[in-house]
Amino acid sequence: MGNSVGRMLAVSLIISFLLCSCSAFNLKKRTIKVEGMSSVEVDSDVAVVCITVREDGDSSKDAQQAGNARINSVVSAAKGCGISPDSIKTTAFRIYPIYDFSSEGGRKHKGQEYFHSLEVEIKDCKRGDGVNVLAGFIDSLNDIDKVEICKIVYRLSDNLKWISQVRTQAVENGMEKCRDYAKGAGMKVGSISSIFENYFTLAYSDDELIAGEMPFGMEQAGFEGAALGDYSEPMQAQGGKVSIKASVSIEVELE
């Protein structure tokens, strides 16, 4: 009796194991994994102009008064081009001593130097009426001496719109590959098992000086940027580009 019960129990365990194995086999799906990619290059509609003003004076007060007068002229020029005061901000400010080390008695204090750096954000570089605000602003700085344009950085006012588009297109690109491979194998694409973002990049273009004639006196300025002087040829400002790229790994079931 005991042997019969033992044999029945053993058979039951074997049958249960076989059923579980068959069930696991049925649950195992055939899948394919591919990479989907997308990229877009967009014309920027925002430009950030980095401006520096330097002034010397016998005292800190003298240097600051002269420097502040030039900064106020820059702000007035920006307002005259329709740029909001909220788009102008100070990024650096220093006043420090100047020494002459040529004398035999050691260093000699010559005065003070004023340094003020601004960023002017132009949110609509080229308006619908064709007016190039960026070029107009730079031309307006020609009337202000000792103003240095260090860099122009290009941006997008609506990053999210383009980011969403590139990510969607990356998924569509991956699904198109899946359909091609499935068709070649005589199968069909089923549901998506997983989506993993491999990378996403958003790269802006920077220019030290926008297109146009090099202003006279740039070599004498001793700075990285362009020291604006008296030159009458209008600036031909060219907008920058923004490059957005995305890559995803997609795994889908095959039927």
C-alpha atoms as a PDB file:
ATOM      1  CA  MET A   1       0.000   0.000   0.000  1.00  0.00           C
ATOM      2  CA  GLY A   2       2.792   2.341   0.961  1.00  0.00           C
ATOM      3  CA  ASN A   3       4.689   1.592  -2.265  1.00  0.00           C
ATOM      4  CA  SER A   4       1.593   2.354  -4.336  1.00  0.00           C
ATOM      5  CA  VAL A   5       1.146   5.719  -2.640  1.00  0.00           C
ATOM      6  CA  GLY A   6       4.801   6.511  -3.169  1.00  0.00           C
ATOM      7  CA  ARG A   7       4.614   5.637  -6.857  1.00  0.00           C
ATOM      8  CA  MET A   8       1.496   7.754  -7.303  1.00  0.00           C
ATOM      9  CA  LEU A   9       3.173  10.713  -5.592  1.00  0.00           C
ATOM     10  CA  ALA A  10       6.251  10.371  -7.784  1.00  0.00           C
ATOM     11  CA  VAL A  11       4.143  10.257 -10.945  1.00  0.00           C
ATOM     12  CA  SER A  12       2.209  13.321  -9.807  1.00  0.00           C
ATOM     13  CA  LEU A  13       5.454  15.257  -9.273  1.00  0.00           C
ATOM     14  CA  ILE A  14       6.750  14.293 -12.706  1.00  0.00           C
ATOM     15  CA  ILE A  15       3.497  15.353 -14.377  1.00  0.00           C
ATOM     16  CA  SER A  16       3.522  18.671 -12.487  1.00  0.00           C
ATOM     17  CA  PHE A  17       7.114  19.311 -13.564  1.00  0.00           C
ATOM     18  CA  LEU A  18       6.287  18.575 -17.206  1.00  0.00           C
ATOM     19  CA  LEU A  19       3.256  20.871 -17.103  1.00  0.00           C
ATOM     20  CA  CYS A  20       5.316  23.690 -15.581  1.00  0.00           C
ATOM     21  CA  SER A  21       8.016  23.206 -18.227  1.00  0.00           C
ATOM     22  CA  CYS A  22       5.452  23.342 -21.029  1.00  0.00           C
ATOM     23  CA  SER A  23       3.891  26.460 -19.509  1.00  0.00           C
ATOM     24  CA  ALA A  24       7.274  28.172 -19.250  1.00  0.00           C
ATOM     25  CA  PHE A  25       8.034  27.246 -22.848  1.00  0.00           C
ATOM     26  CA  ASN A  26       4.764  28.746 -24.012  1.00  0.00           C
ATOM     27  CA  LEU A  27       5.473  31.983 -22.100  1.00  0.00           C
ATOM     28  CA  LYS A  28       8.861  32.447 -23.762  1.00  0.00           C
ATOM     29  CA  LYS A  29       8.459  34.996 -26.564  1.00  0.00           C
ATOM     30  CA  ARG A  30      10.588  35.548 -29.627  1.00  0.00           C
ATOM     31  CA  THR A  31      11.815  39.145 -29.693  1.00  0.00           C
ATOM     32  CA  ILE A  32      14.015  41.452 -31.717  1.00  0.00           C
ATOM     33  CA  LYS A  33      16.047  44.405 -30.399  1.00  0.00           C
ATOM     34  CA  VAL A  34      17.119  47.345 -32.582  1.00  0.00           C
ATOM     35  CA  GLU A  35      18.421  50.888 -32.247  1.00  0.00           C
ATOM     36  CA  GLY A  36      16.308  53.824 -33.382  1.00  0.00           C
ATOM     37  CA  MET A  37      17.950  57.174 -34.139  1.00  0.00           C
ATOM     38  CA  SER A  38      16.870  60.658 -35.102  1.00  0.00           C
ATOM     39  CA  SER A  39      18.466  64.087 -35.462  1.00  0.00           C
ATOM     40  CA  VAL A  40      17.412  67.573 -36.473  1.00  0.00           C
ATOM     41  CA  GLU A  41      19.225  70.878 -37.006  1.00  0.00           C
ATOM     42  CA  VAL A  42      17.148  73.944 -36.195  1.00  0.00           C
ATOM     43  CA  ASP A  43      17.744  77.630 -36.843  1.00  0.00           C
ATOM     44  CA  SER A  44      18.139  79.409 -33.511  1.00  0.00           C
ATOM     45  CA  ASP A  45      15.770  82.231 -32.657  1.00  0.00           C
ATOM     46  CA  VAL A  46      17.594  83.476 -29.555  1.00  0.00           C
ATOM     47  CA  ALA A  47      21.073  85.023 -29.378  1.00  0.00           C
ATOM     48  CA  VAL A  48      22.987  85.901 -26.215  1.00  0.00           C
ATOM     49  CA  VAL A  49      25.569  88.642 -26.807  1.00  0.00           C
ATOM     50  CA  CYS A  50      28.376  88.731 -24.219  1.00  0.00           C
ATOM     51  CA  ILE A  51      29.768  92.252 -23.814  1.00  0.00           C
ATOM     52  CA  THR A  52      32.688  93.581 -21.760  1.00  0.00           C
ATOM     53  CA  VAL A  53      33.552  97.163 -20.810  1.00  0.00           C
ATOM     54  CA  ARG A  54      36.947  98.141 -19.342  1.00  0.00           C
ATOM     55  CA  GLU A  55      37.975 101.557 -18.043  1.00  0.00           C
ATOM     56  CA  ASP A  56      41.026 103.001 -16.269  1.00  0.00           C
ATOM     57  CA  GLY A  57      41.006 105.797 -13.713  1.00  0.00           C
ATOM     58  CA  ASP A  58      43.221 107.464 -11.144  1.00  0.00           C
ATOM     59  CA  SER A  59      40.903 106.128  -8.446  1.00  0.00           C
ATOM     60  CA  SER A  60      38.224 103.470  -8.132  1.00  0.00           C
ATOM     61  CA  LYS A  61      35.568 106.165  -8.216  1.00  0.00           C
ATOM     62  CA  ASP A  62      36.934 107.669 -11.438  1.00  0.00           C
ATOM     63  CA  ALA A  63      37.179 104.265 -13.152  1.00  0.00           C
ATOM     64  CA  GLN A  64      33.704 103.250 -12.054  1.00  0.00           C
ATOM     65  CA  GLN A  65      32.087 106.492 -13.143  1.00  0.00           C
ATOM     66  CA  ALA A  66      33.593 106.197 -16.617  1.00  0.00           C
ATOM     67  CA  GLY A  67      32.729 102.500 -16.864  1.00  0.00           C
ATOM     68  CA  ASN A  68      29.175 102.978 -15.644  1.00  0.00           C
ATOM     69  CA  ALA A  69      28.629 105.667 -18.289  1.00  0.00           C
ATOM     70  CA  ARG A  70      29.578 103.192 -21.027  1.00  0.00           C
ATOM     71  CA  ILE A  71      27.448 100.408 -19.531  1.00  0.00           C
ATOM     72  CA  ASN A  72      24.474 102.771 -19.405  1.00  0.00           C
ATOM     73  CA  SER A  73      25.073 103.570 -23.082  1.00  0.00           C
ATOM     74  CA  VAL A  74      25.035  99.843 -23.900  1.00  0.00           C
ATOM     75  CA  VAL A  75      21.754  99.406 -22.020  1.00  0.00           C
ATOM     76  CA  SER A  76      20.265 102.404 -23.837  1.00  0.00           C
ATOM     77  CA  ALA A  77      21.364 100.960 -27.194  1.00  0.00           C
ATOM     78  CA  ALA A  78      19.678  97.664 -26.340  1.00  0.00           C
ATOM     79  CA  LYS A  79      16.446  99.406 -25.374  1.00  0.00           C
ATOM     80  CA  GLY A  80      16.590 101.401 -28.604  1.00  0.00           C
ATOM     81  CA  CYS A  81      16.559  98.100 -30.523  1.00  0.00           C
ATOM     82  CA  GLY A  82      13.465  96.921 -28.671  1.00  0.00           C
ATOM     83  CA  ILE A  83      15.340  94.628 -26.272  1.00  0.00           C
ATOM     84  CA  SER A  84      13.695  94.387 -22.856  1.00  0.00           C
ATOM     85  CA  PRO A  85      15.722  95.496 -19.784  1.00  0.00           C
ATOM     86  CA  ASP A  86      14.843  92.102 -18.264  1.00  0.00           C
ATOM     87  CA  SER A  87      17.014  90.519 -20.966  1.00  0.00           C
ATOM     88  CA  ILE A  88      20.153  92.333 -19.765  1.00  0.00           C
ATOM     89  CA  LYS A  89      22.148  91.002 -16.820  1.00  0.00           C
ATOM     90  CA  THR A  90      25.564  91.499 -15.237  1.00  0.00           C
ATOM     91  CA  THR A  91      27.724  88.373 -15.262  1.00  0.00           C
ATOM     92  CA  ALA A  92      30.976  89.787 -13.820  1.00  0.00           C
ATOM     93  CA  PHE A  93      32.172  92.994 -12.137  1.00  0.00           C
ATOM     94  CA  ARG A  94      35.609  93.900 -10.806  1.00  0.00           C
ATOM     95  CA  ILE A  95      37.655  96.934  -9.825  1.00  0.00           C
ATOM     96  CA  TYR A  96      41.326  96.273  -9.176  1.00  0.00           C
ATOM     97  CA  PRO A  97      44.605  98.214  -8.925  1.00  0.00           C
ATOM     98  CA  ILE A  98      47.035  98.803 -11.794  1.00  0.00           C
ATOM     99  CA  TYR A  99      50.751  98.772 -11.029  1.00  0.00           C
ATOM    100  CA  ASP A 100      53.813  99.926 -12.936  1.00  0.00           C
ATOM    101  CA  PHE A 101      56.743  97.563 -12.422  1.00  0.00           C
ATOM    102  CA  SER A 102      59.200  99.411 -14.687  1.00  0.00           C
ATOM    103  CA  SER A 103      60.606 101.708 -11.992  1.00  0.00           C
ATOM    104  CA  GLU A 104      63.694 100.693 -10.038  1.00  0.00           C
ATOM    105  CA  GLY A 105      62.041 101.262  -6.690  1.00  0.00           C
ATOM    106  CA  GLY A 106      59.576  98.389  -7.229  1.00  0.00           C
ATOM    107  CA  ARG A 107      55.966  98.521  -8.203  1.00  0.00           C
ATOM    108  CA  LYS A 108      54.179 101.832  -8.397  1.00  0.00           C
ATOM    109  CA  HIS A 109      50.415 102.246  -8.222  1.00  0.00           C
ATOM    110  CA  LYS A 110      49.162 103.817 -11.458  1.00  0.00           C
ATOM    111  CA  GLY A 111      45.437 103.761 -10.853  1.00  0.00           C
ATOM    112  CA  GLN A 112      42.416 101.461 -10.897  1.00  0.00           C
ATOM    113  CA  GLU A 113      40.837  99.351 -13.638  1.00  0.00           C
ATOM    114  CA  TYR A 114      37.098  98.805 -14.025  1.00  0.00           C
ATOM    115  CA  PHE A 115      35.768  95.569 -15.565  1.00  0.00           C
ATOM    116  CA  HIS A 116      32.077  94.936 -16.217  1.00  0.00           C
ATOM    117  CA  SER A 117      30.642  92.016 -18.221  1.00  0.00           C
ATOM    118  CA  LEU A 118      27.067  91.893 -19.521  1.00  0.00           C
ATOM    119  CA  GLU A 119      24.869  89.357 -21.269  1.00  0.00           C
ATOM    120  CA  VAL A 120      22.182  90.707 -23.580  1.00  0.00           C
ATOM    121  CA  GLU A 121      19.594  88.133 -24.614  1.00  0.00           C
ATOM    122  CA  ILE A 122      17.867  88.835 -27.918  1.00  0.00           C
ATOM    123  CA  LYS A 123      14.777  86.621 -27.926  1.00  0.00           C
ATOM    124  CA  ASP A 124      13.715  87.291 -31.506  1.00  0.00           C
ATOM    125  CA  CYS A 125      16.847  87.686 -33.629  1.00  0.00           C
ATOM    126  CA  LYS A 126      14.879  88.283 -36.804  1.00  0.00           C
ATOM    127  CA  ARG A 127      11.335  89.550 -36.457  1.00  0.00           C
ATOM    128  CA  GLY A 128       8.520  88.753 -38.818  1.00  0.00           C
ATOM    129  CA  ASP A 129       8.921  92.131 -40.506  1.00  0.00           C
ATOM    130  CA  GLY A 130      12.442  91.175 -41.576  1.00  0.00           C
ATOM    131  CA  VAL A 131      14.275  93.456 -39.131  1.00  0.00           C
ATOM    132  CA  ASN A 132      17.480  91.775 -37.934  1.00  0.00           C
ATOM    133  CA  VAL A 133      17.562  92.785 -34.267  1.00  0.00           C
ATOM    134  CA  LEU A 134      20.921  91.122 -33.620  1.00  0.00           C
ATOM    135  CA  ALA A 135      22.699  92.994 -36.419  1.00  0.00           C
ATOM    136  CA  GLY A 136      20.952  96.236 -35.486  1.00  0.00           C
ATOM    137  CA  PHE A 137      22.058  95.982 -31.860  1.00  0.00           C
ATOM    138  CA  ILE A 138      25.684  95.312 -32.784  1.00  0.00           C
ATOM    139  CA  ASP A 139      25.677  98.239 -35.214  1.00  0.00           C
ATOM    140  CA  SER A 140      24.281 100.472 -32.455  1.00  0.00           C
ATOM    141  CA  LEU A 141      27.300  99.650 -30.280  1.00  0.00           C
ATOM    142  CA  ASN A 142      29.603 101.319 -32.832  1.00  0.00           C
ATOM    143  CA  ASP A 143      28.830 104.688 -31.282  1.00  0.00           C
ATOM    144  CA  ILE A 144      30.205 103.535 -27.923  1.00  0.00           C
ATOM    145  CA  ASP A 145      33.982 103.408 -27.492  1.00  0.00           C
ATOM    146  CA  LYS A 146      35.835 100.667 -25.575  1.00  0.00           C
ATOM    147  CA  VAL A 147      33.067  98.084 -25.897  1.00  0.00           C
ATOM    148  CA  GLU A 148      34.138  94.503 -26.503  1.00  0.00           C
ATOM    149  CA  ILE A 149      31.927  91.709 -27.870  1.00  0.00           C
ATOM    150  CA  CYS A 150      33.416  88.518 -26.442  1.00  0.00           C
ATOM    151  CA  LYS A 151      31.025  85.897 -27.779  1.00  0.00           C
ATOM    152  CA  ILE A 152      27.608  85.275 -29.295  1.00  0.00           C
ATOM    153  CA  VAL A 153      25.785  82.145 -28.152  1.00  0.00           C
ATOM    154  CA  TYR A 154      22.717  80.841 -29.986  1.00  0.00           C
ATOM    155  CA  ARG A 155      19.712  79.267 -28.288  1.00  0.00           C
ATOM    156  CA  LEU A 156      16.160  78.034 -28.923  1.00  0.00           C
ATOM    157  CA  SER A 157      13.170  79.634 -27.248  1.00  0.00           C
ATOM    158  CA  ASP A 158      11.177  76.365 -27.352  1.00  0.00           C
ATOM    159  CA  ASN A 159      13.520  73.450 -26.669  1.00  0.00           C
ATOM    160  CA  LEU A 160      10.775  71.074 -25.525  1.00  0.00           C
ATOM    161  CA  LYS A 161       8.963  71.168 -28.872  1.00  0.00           C
ATOM    162  CA  TRP A 162      12.016  69.949 -30.788  1.00  0.00           C
ATOM    163  CA  ILE A 163      13.182  67.542 -28.092  1.00  0.00           C
ATOM    164  CA  SER A 164       9.801  65.787 -28.137  1.00  0.00           C
ATOM    165  CA  GLN A 165       9.860  65.618 -31.939  1.00  0.00           C
ATOM    166  CA  VAL A 166      13.333  64.047 -32.097  1.00  0.00           C
ATOM    167  CA  ARG A 167      12.531  61.444 -29.427  1.00  0.00           C
ATOM    168  CA  THR A 168       9.301  60.480 -31.194  1.00  0.00           C
ATOM    169  CA  GLN A 169      11.099  60.151 -34.506  1.00  0.00           C
ATOM    170  CA  ALA A 170      13.787  57.955 -32.893  1.00  0.00           C
ATOM    171  CA  VAL A 171      11.099  55.515 -31.715  1.00  0.00           C
ATOM    172  CA  GLU A 172       9.438  55.564 -35.152  1.00  0.00           C
ATOM    173  CA  ASN A 173      12.796  54.855 -36.782  1.00  0.00           C
ATOM    174  CA  GLY A 174      13.337  51.870 -34.486  1.00  0.00           C
ATOM    175  CA  MET A 175       9.845  50.471 -35.129  1.00  0.00           C
ATOM    176  CA  GLU A 176      10.360  50.782 -38.880  1.00  0.00           C
ATOM    177  CA  LYS A 177      13.506  48.667 -38.570  1.00  0.00           C
ATOM    178  CA  CYS A 178      11.605  46.088 -36.522  1.00  0.00           C
ATOM    179  CA  ARG A 179       8.906  45.806 -39.205  1.00  0.00           C
ATOM    180  CA  ASP A 180      11.541  45.376 -41.920  1.00  0.00           C
ATOM    181  CA  TYR A 181      13.322  42.584 -40.033  1.00  0.00           C
ATOM    182  CA  ALA A 182      10.056  40.866 -39.110  1.00  0.00           C
ATOM    183  CA  LYS A 183       8.907  40.951 -42.740  1.00  0.00           C
ATOM    184  CA  GLY A 184      12.199  39.418 -43.848  1.00  0.00           C
ATOM    185  CA  ALA A 185      11.705  36.608 -41.338  1.00  0.00           C
ATOM    186  CA  GLY A 186       8.122  36.004 -42.418  1.00  0.00           C
ATOM    187  CA  MET A 187       6.713  37.275 -39.124  1.00  0.00           C
ATOM    188  CA  LYS A 188       4.831  40.249 -37.757  1.00  0.00           C
ATOM    189  CA  VAL A 189       5.681  42.826 -35.100  1.00  0.00           C
ATOM    190  CA  GLY A 190       3.830  42.408 -31.815  1.00  0.00           C
ATOM    191  CA  SER A 191       3.820  44.565 -28.703  1.00  0.00           C
ATOM    192  CA  ILE A 192       6.822  46.550 -27.429  1.00  0.00           C
ATOM    193  CA  SER A 193       8.700  44.826 -24.596  1.00  0.00           C
ATOM    194  CA  SER A 194      10.999  47.705 -23.635  1.00  0.00           C
ATOM    195  CA  ILE A 195      12.353  51.078 -24.737  1.00  0.00           C
ATOM    196  CA  PHE A 196      15.684  52.379 -23.402  1.00  0.00           C
ATOM    197  CA  GLU A 197      17.204  55.770 -24.219  1.00  0.00           C
ATOM    198  CA  ASN A 198      20.856  55.319 -25.199  1.00  0.00           C
ATOM    199  CA  TYR A 199      21.711  58.995 -25.439  1.00  0.00           C
ATOM    200  CA  PHE A 200      20.253  62.428 -26.024  1.00  0.00           C
ATOM    201  CA  THR A 201      22.224  65.536 -27.007  1.00  0.00           C
ATOM    202  CA  LEU A 202      21.353  69.166 -27.589  1.00  0.00           C
ATOM    203  CA  ALA A 203      24.283  71.151 -28.979  1.00  0.00           C
ATOM    204  CA  TYR A 204      24.342  74.899 -29.552  1.00  0.00           C
ATOM    205  CA  SER A 205      26.662  76.701 -31.963  1.00  0.00           C
ATOM    206  CA  ASP A 206      28.848  79.480 -30.565  1.00  0.00           C
ATOM    207  CA  ASP A 207      30.596  82.176 -32.578  1.00  0.00           C
ATOM    208  CA  GLU A 208      33.256  84.531 -31.272  1.00  0.00           C
ATOM    209  CA  LEU A 209      32.216  87.052 -33.922  1.00  0.00           C
ATOM    210  CA  ILE A 210      29.319  86.838 -36.339  1.00  0.00           C
ATOM    211  CA  ALA A 211      29.886  87.072 -40.086  1.00  0.00           C
ATOM    212  CA  GLY A 212      31.093  90.377 -41.417  1.00  0.00           C
ATOM    213  CA  GLU A 213      34.169  92.554 -41.806  1.00  0.00           C
ATOM    214  CA  MET A 214      36.605  92.418 -38.882  1.00  0.00           C
ATOM    215  CA  PRO A 215      36.311  95.781 -37.108  1.00  0.00           C
ATOM    216  CA  PHE A 216      39.378  98.004 -37.282  1.00  0.00           C
ATOM    217  CA  GLY A 217      41.318  97.932 -34.023  1.00  0.00           C
ATOM    218  CA  MET A 218      40.481  94.352 -33.073  1.00  0.00           C
ATOM    219  CA  GLU A 219      44.149  93.376 -33.162  1.00  0.00           C
ATOM    220  CA  GLN A 220      45.009  96.291 -30.891  1.00  0.00           C
ATOM    221  CA  ALA A 221      42.400  95.402 -28.293  1.00  0.00           C
ATOM    222  CA  GLY A 222      44.414  92.537 -26.823  1.00  0.00           C
ATOM    223  CA  PHE A 223      41.254  90.613 -25.993  1.00  0.00           C
ATOM    224  CA  GLU A 224      39.631  87.448 -27.338  1.00  0.00           C
ATOM    225  CA  GLY A 225      36.601  89.230 -28.713  1.00  0.00           C
ATOM    226  CA  ALA A 226      36.170  92.152 -31.070  1.00  0.00           C
ATOM    227  CA  ALA A 227      36.654  95.715 -29.884  1.00  0.00           C
ATOM    228  CA  LEU A 228      34.127  97.778 -31.765  1.00  0.00           C
ATOM    229  CA  GLY A 229      35.316 100.987 -33.361  1.00  0.00           C
ATOM    230  CA  ASP A 230      34.276 103.452 -36.029  1.00  0.00           C
ATOM    231  CA  TYR A 231      33.341 101.483 -39.146  1.00  0.00           C
ATOM    232  CA  SER A 232      30.282 102.249 -41.237  1.00  0.00           C
ATOM    233  CA  GLU A 233      29.683  98.970 -43.104  1.00  0.00           C
ATOM    234  CA  PRO A 234      26.467  97.384 -41.692  1.00  0.00           C
ATOM    235  CA  MET A 235      26.872  94.079 -39.913  1.00  0.00           C
ATOM    236  CA  GLN A 236      25.540  91.045 -41.801  1.00  0.00           C
ATOM    237  CA  ALA A 237      24.501  88.848 -38.845  1.00  0.00           C
ATOM    238  CA  GLN A 238      23.939  85.173 -39.548  1.00  0.00           C
ATOM    239  CA  GLY A 239      21.896  83.102 -37.116  1.00  0.00           C
ATOM    240  CA  GLY A 240      23.271  80.024 -35.420  1.00  0.00           C
ATOM    241  CA  LYS A 241      22.161  76.395 -35.529  1.00  0.00           C
ATOM    242  CA  VAL A 242      20.994  74.036 -32.792  1.00  0.00           C
ATOM    243  CA  SER A 243      21.605  70.298 -33.285  1.00  0.00           C
ATOM    244  CA  ILE A 244      19.396  67.776 -31.434  1.00  0.00           C
ATOM    245  CA  LYS A 245      20.044  64.017 -31.542  1.00  0.00           C
ATOM    246  CA  ALA A 246      18.467  60.999 -29.830  1.00  0.00           C
ATOM    247  CA  SER A 247      19.028  57.242 -29.815  1.00  0.00           C
ATOM    248  CA  VAL A 248      16.844  54.516 -28.262  1.00  0.00           C
ATOM    249  CA  SER A 249      17.006  50.731 -27.975  1.00  0.00           C
ATOM    250  CA  ILE A 250      13.641  49.070 -28.694  1.00  0.00           C
ATOM    251  CA  GLU A 251      12.745  45.445 -28.024  1.00  0.00           C
ATOM    252  CA  VAL A 252       9.524  44.091 -29.564  1.00  0.00           C
ATOM    253  CA  GLU A 253       7.824  40.712 -29.679  1.00  0.00           C
ATOM    254  CA  LEU A 254       7.510  38.808 -32.945  1.00  0.00           C
ATOM    255  CA  GLU A 255       4.382  36.904 -33.915  1.00  0.00           C
END
